[in-house]
Amino acid sequence: MNIPANLKYTKSHEWVRVEADGTVTVGITDHAQELLGDLVFIELPDVGKELAAEQEAAVVESVKAASDVYAPIAGTVTAVNASLPDTPEALNEDAYAAWLFRLKPANPADVDALLDAAAYAACAAE
């Protein structure tokens, strides 16, 4: 299982990377895309949308099932990966390069409460 040590994670299989400008980039983990199988549809949040922590933010749909993607922390959507709806398979090819959306955190310290790679690995193995 590919779990980069430089990222933070949620129990619901989102990854989070803090950017130099203070925003956070959010995607789904490699484990999540493996469980879902071949992705065929992605619905992203609107830029400017305010999200609460653990609120449904996006939808990824595979040939097997549709799955919600949750906001790992509260914040405002500042950008979306606009190429993904046209190329959902990019998430299967490299889940850590194919980010979904970026947030400006309501409280940047909330990122510290997310899982590190070791904790996520233990959670994903359950």
C-alpha atoms as a PDB file:
ATOM      1  CA  MET A   1       0.000   0.000   0.000  1.00  0.00           C
ATOM      2  CA  ASN A   2       1.404   3.397  -1.035  1.00  0.00           C
ATOM      3  CA  ILE A   3       1.167   5.859   1.906  1.00  0.00           C
ATOM      4  CA  PRO A   4       3.520   8.847   1.521  1.00  0.00           C
ATOM      5  CA  ALA A   5       4.953   9.944   4.875  1.00  0.00           C
ATOM      6  CA  ASN A   6       4.763  13.670   4.027  1.00  0.00           C
ATOM      7  CA  LEU A   7       0.949  13.744   3.919  1.00  0.00           C
ATOM      8  CA  LYS A   8      -1.818  13.686   6.539  1.00  0.00           C
ATOM      9  CA  TYR A   9      -4.810  11.342   6.279  1.00  0.00           C
ATOM     10  CA  THR A  10      -8.383  10.777   7.411  1.00  0.00           C
ATOM     11  CA  LYS A  11     -10.105   7.548   8.438  1.00  0.00           C
ATOM     12  CA  SER A  12     -12.401   8.058   5.432  1.00  0.00           C
ATOM     13  CA  HIS A  13      -9.384   7.727   3.069  1.00  0.00           C
ATOM     14  CA  GLU A  14      -8.660  11.325   2.095  1.00  0.00           C
ATOM     15  CA  TRP A  15      -5.091  12.642   1.990  1.00  0.00           C
ATOM     16  CA  VAL A  16      -4.076  16.218   2.830  1.00  0.00           C
ATOM     17  CA  ARG A  17      -0.990  18.188   1.840  1.00  0.00           C
ATOM     18  CA  VAL A  18      -0.261  21.633   3.295  1.00  0.00           C
ATOM     19  CA  GLU A  19       0.908  24.023   0.577  1.00  0.00           C
ATOM     20  CA  ALA A  20       3.407  26.903   0.929  1.00  0.00           C
ATOM     21  CA  ASP A  21       0.572  29.461   0.750  1.00  0.00           C
ATOM     22  CA  GLY A  22      -1.248  27.859   3.709  1.00  0.00           C
ATOM     23  CA  THR A  23      -3.954  26.170   1.646  1.00  0.00           C
ATOM     24  CA  VAL A  24      -4.425  22.416   1.838  1.00  0.00           C
ATOM     25  CA  THR A  25      -4.719  20.108  -1.139  1.00  0.00           C
ATOM     26  CA  VAL A  26      -7.125  17.159  -0.764  1.00  0.00           C
ATOM     27  CA  GLY A  27      -7.369  13.891  -2.654  1.00  0.00           C
ATOM     28  CA  ILE A  28      -8.274  10.257  -2.103  1.00  0.00           C
ATOM     29  CA  THR A  29      -5.677   7.734  -1.047  1.00  0.00           C
ATOM     30  CA  ASP A  30      -4.192   5.001  -3.173  1.00  0.00           C
ATOM     31  CA  HIS A  31      -5.971   2.514  -0.907  1.00  0.00           C
ATOM     32  CA  ALA A  32      -9.324   4.198  -1.614  1.00  0.00           C
ATOM     33  CA  GLN A  33      -8.888   4.131  -5.387  1.00  0.00           C
ATOM     34  CA  GLU A  34      -7.903   0.446  -5.192  1.00  0.00           C
ATOM     35  CA  LEU A  35     -11.071  -0.359  -3.239  1.00  0.00           C
ATOM     36  CA  LEU A  36     -13.237   1.569  -5.695  1.00  0.00           C
ATOM     37  CA  GLY A  37     -11.734   0.142  -8.876  1.00  0.00           C
ATOM     38  CA  ASP A  38     -11.877   1.915 -12.247  1.00  0.00           C
ATOM     39  CA  LEU A  39     -13.208   5.432 -11.736  1.00  0.00           C
ATOM     40  CA  VAL A  40     -15.670   6.696 -14.330  1.00  0.00           C
ATOM     41  CA  PHE A  41     -17.133   9.915 -12.862  1.00  0.00           C
ATOM     42  CA  ILE A  42     -16.004  12.667 -10.496  1.00  0.00           C
ATOM     43  CA  GLU A  43     -18.088  15.528  -9.112  1.00  0.00           C
ATOM     44  CA  LEU A  44     -16.077  18.336  -7.526  1.00  0.00           C
ATOM     45  CA  PRO A  45     -17.218  21.089  -5.131  1.00  0.00           C
ATOM     46  CA  ASP A  46     -17.748  24.661  -6.302  1.00  0.00           C
ATOM     47  CA  VAL A  47     -14.926  27.141  -5.760  1.00  0.00           C
ATOM     48  CA  GLY A  48     -15.945  29.427  -2.907  1.00  0.00           C
ATOM     49  CA  LYS A  49     -18.017  26.767  -1.137  1.00  0.00           C
ATOM     50  CA  GLU A  50     -17.623  26.751   2.652  1.00  0.00           C
ATOM     51  CA  LEU A  51     -17.186  23.238   4.014  1.00  0.00           C
ATOM     52  CA  ALA A  52     -17.408  21.936   7.558  1.00  0.00           C
ATOM     53  CA  ALA A  53     -15.015  19.226   8.688  1.00  0.00           C
ATOM     54  CA  GLU A  54     -16.291  15.810   7.561  1.00  0.00           C
ATOM     55  CA  GLN A  55     -18.905  17.388   5.254  1.00  0.00           C
ATOM     56  CA  GLU A  56     -19.492  15.724   1.888  1.00  0.00           C
ATOM     57  CA  ALA A  57     -17.381  17.691  -0.575  1.00  0.00           C
ATOM     58  CA  ALA A  58     -17.078  15.602  -3.745  1.00  0.00           C
ATOM     59  CA  VAL A  59     -18.211  12.324  -5.280  1.00  0.00           C
ATOM     60  CA  VAL A  60     -16.106   9.690  -6.996  1.00  0.00           C
ATOM     61  CA  GLU A  61     -17.912   6.967  -8.910  1.00  0.00           C
ATOM     62  CA  SER A  62     -16.474   3.721 -10.186  1.00  0.00           C
ATOM     63  CA  VAL A  63     -17.907   0.805 -12.093  1.00  0.00           C
ATOM     64  CA  LYS A  64     -18.511  -0.743  -8.635  1.00  0.00           C
ATOM     65  CA  ALA A  65     -19.964   2.106  -6.544  1.00  0.00           C
ATOM     66  CA  ALA A  66     -20.217   5.811  -5.834  1.00  0.00           C
ATOM     67  CA  SER A  67     -18.402   7.164  -2.835  1.00  0.00           C
ATOM     68  CA  ASP A  68     -18.466  10.519  -1.088  1.00  0.00           C
ATOM     69  CA  VAL A  69     -15.250  12.417  -0.458  1.00  0.00           C
ATOM     70  CA  TYR A  70     -15.307  14.402   2.775  1.00  0.00           C
ATOM     71  CA  ALA A  71     -13.648  17.660   3.739  1.00  0.00           C
ATOM     72  CA  PRO A  72     -10.861  16.658   6.128  1.00  0.00           C
ATOM     73  CA  ILE A  73     -11.047  20.036   7.897  1.00  0.00           C
ATOM     74  CA  ALA A  74     -13.314  23.081   7.767  1.00  0.00           C
ATOM     75  CA  GLY A  75     -12.488  25.664   5.141  1.00  0.00           C
ATOM     76  CA  THR A  76     -13.328  27.388   1.882  1.00  0.00           C
ATOM     77  CA  VAL A  77     -12.736  25.728  -1.492  1.00  0.00           C
ATOM     78  CA  THR A  78     -10.140  27.811  -3.349  1.00  0.00           C
ATOM     79  CA  ALA A  79      -9.514  25.569  -6.377  1.00  0.00           C
ATOM     80  CA  VAL A  80     -10.576  22.319  -7.998  1.00  0.00           C
ATOM     81  CA  ASN A  81      -8.687  20.004 -10.330  1.00  0.00           C
ATOM     82  CA  ALA A  82     -10.773  20.893 -13.375  1.00  0.00           C
ATOM     83  CA  SER A  83      -9.194  18.206 -15.581  1.00  0.00           C
ATOM     84  CA  LEU A  84     -10.437  15.319 -13.401  1.00  0.00           C
ATOM     85  CA  PRO A  85     -14.084  15.192 -14.534  1.00  0.00           C
ATOM     86  CA  ASP A  86     -12.797  14.585 -18.086  1.00  0.00           C
ATOM     87  CA  THR A  87     -10.086  12.119 -16.995  1.00  0.00           C
ATOM     88  CA  PRO A  88     -11.287  10.310 -13.835  1.00  0.00           C
ATOM     89  CA  GLU A  89      -8.869   7.464 -14.586  1.00  0.00           C
ATOM     90  CA  ALA A  90      -6.032   9.798 -13.534  1.00  0.00           C
ATOM     91  CA  LEU A  91      -6.989   8.996  -9.923  1.00  0.00           C
ATOM     92  CA  ASN A  92      -6.418   5.295 -10.607  1.00  0.00           C
ATOM     93  CA  GLU A  93      -3.071   6.006 -12.259  1.00  0.00           C
ATOM     94  CA  ASP A  94      -1.651   8.177  -9.440  1.00  0.00           C
ATOM     95  CA  ALA A  95      -3.958   8.991  -6.537  1.00  0.00           C
ATOM     96  CA  TYR A  96      -1.420  11.361  -4.973  1.00  0.00           C
ATOM     97  CA  ALA A  97      -0.845  13.432  -8.124  1.00  0.00           C
ATOM     98  CA  ALA A  98      -4.538  13.646  -9.053  1.00  0.00           C
ATOM     99  CA  TRP A  99      -5.759  15.951  -6.280  1.00  0.00           C
ATOM    100  CA  LEU A 100      -9.452  16.866  -6.061  1.00  0.00           C
ATOM    101  CA  PHE A 101      -9.714  20.294  -4.429  1.00  0.00           C
ATOM    102  CA  ARG A 102      -7.884  22.873  -2.317  1.00  0.00           C
ATOM    103  CA  LEU A 103      -9.143  24.500   0.857  1.00  0.00           C
ATOM    104  CA  LYS A 104      -8.237  27.635   2.754  1.00  0.00           C
ATOM    105  CA  PRO A 105      -8.479  26.230   6.305  1.00  0.00           C
ATOM    106  CA  ALA A 106     -10.796  27.908   8.798  1.00  0.00           C
ATOM    107  CA  ASN A 107      -8.222  26.877  11.416  1.00  0.00           C
ATOM    108  CA  PRO A 108      -4.823  25.746  10.031  1.00  0.00           C
ATOM    109  CA  ALA A 109      -4.037  23.903  13.289  1.00  0.00           C
ATOM    110  CA  ASP A 110      -6.833  21.408  12.467  1.00  0.00           C
ATOM    111  CA  VAL A 111      -4.430  19.685  10.055  1.00  0.00           C
ATOM    112  CA  ASP A 112      -2.299  18.632  13.042  1.00  0.00           C
ATOM    113  CA  ALA A 113      -5.173  16.491  14.344  1.00  0.00           C
ATOM    114  CA  LEU A 114      -5.296  14.353  11.182  1.00  0.00           C
ATOM    115  CA  LEU A 115      -3.640  10.931  10.948  1.00  0.00           C
ATOM    116  CA  ASP A 116       0.030  10.556  10.068  1.00  0.00           C
ATOM    117  CA  ALA A 117       1.132   7.843   7.623  1.00  0.00           C
ATOM    118  CA  ALA A 118       1.658   5.183  10.319  1.00  0.00           C
ATOM    119  CA  ALA A 119      -1.743   5.797  11.912  1.00  0.00           C
ATOM    120  CA  TYR A 120      -3.444   5.743   8.504  1.00  0.00           C
ATOM    121  CA  ALA A 121      -1.698   2.498   7.560  1.00  0.00           C
ATOM    122  CA  ALA A 122      -3.043   0.899  10.738  1.00  0.00           C
ATOM    123  CA  CYS A 123      -6.533   2.256  10.019  1.00  0.00           C
ATOM    124  CA  ALA A 124      -6.492   1.138   6.360  1.00  0.00           C
ATOM    125  CA  ALA A 125      -5.379  -2.357   7.343  1.00  0.00           C
ATOM    126  CA  GLU A 126      -8.477  -2.913   9.493  1.00  0.00           C
END
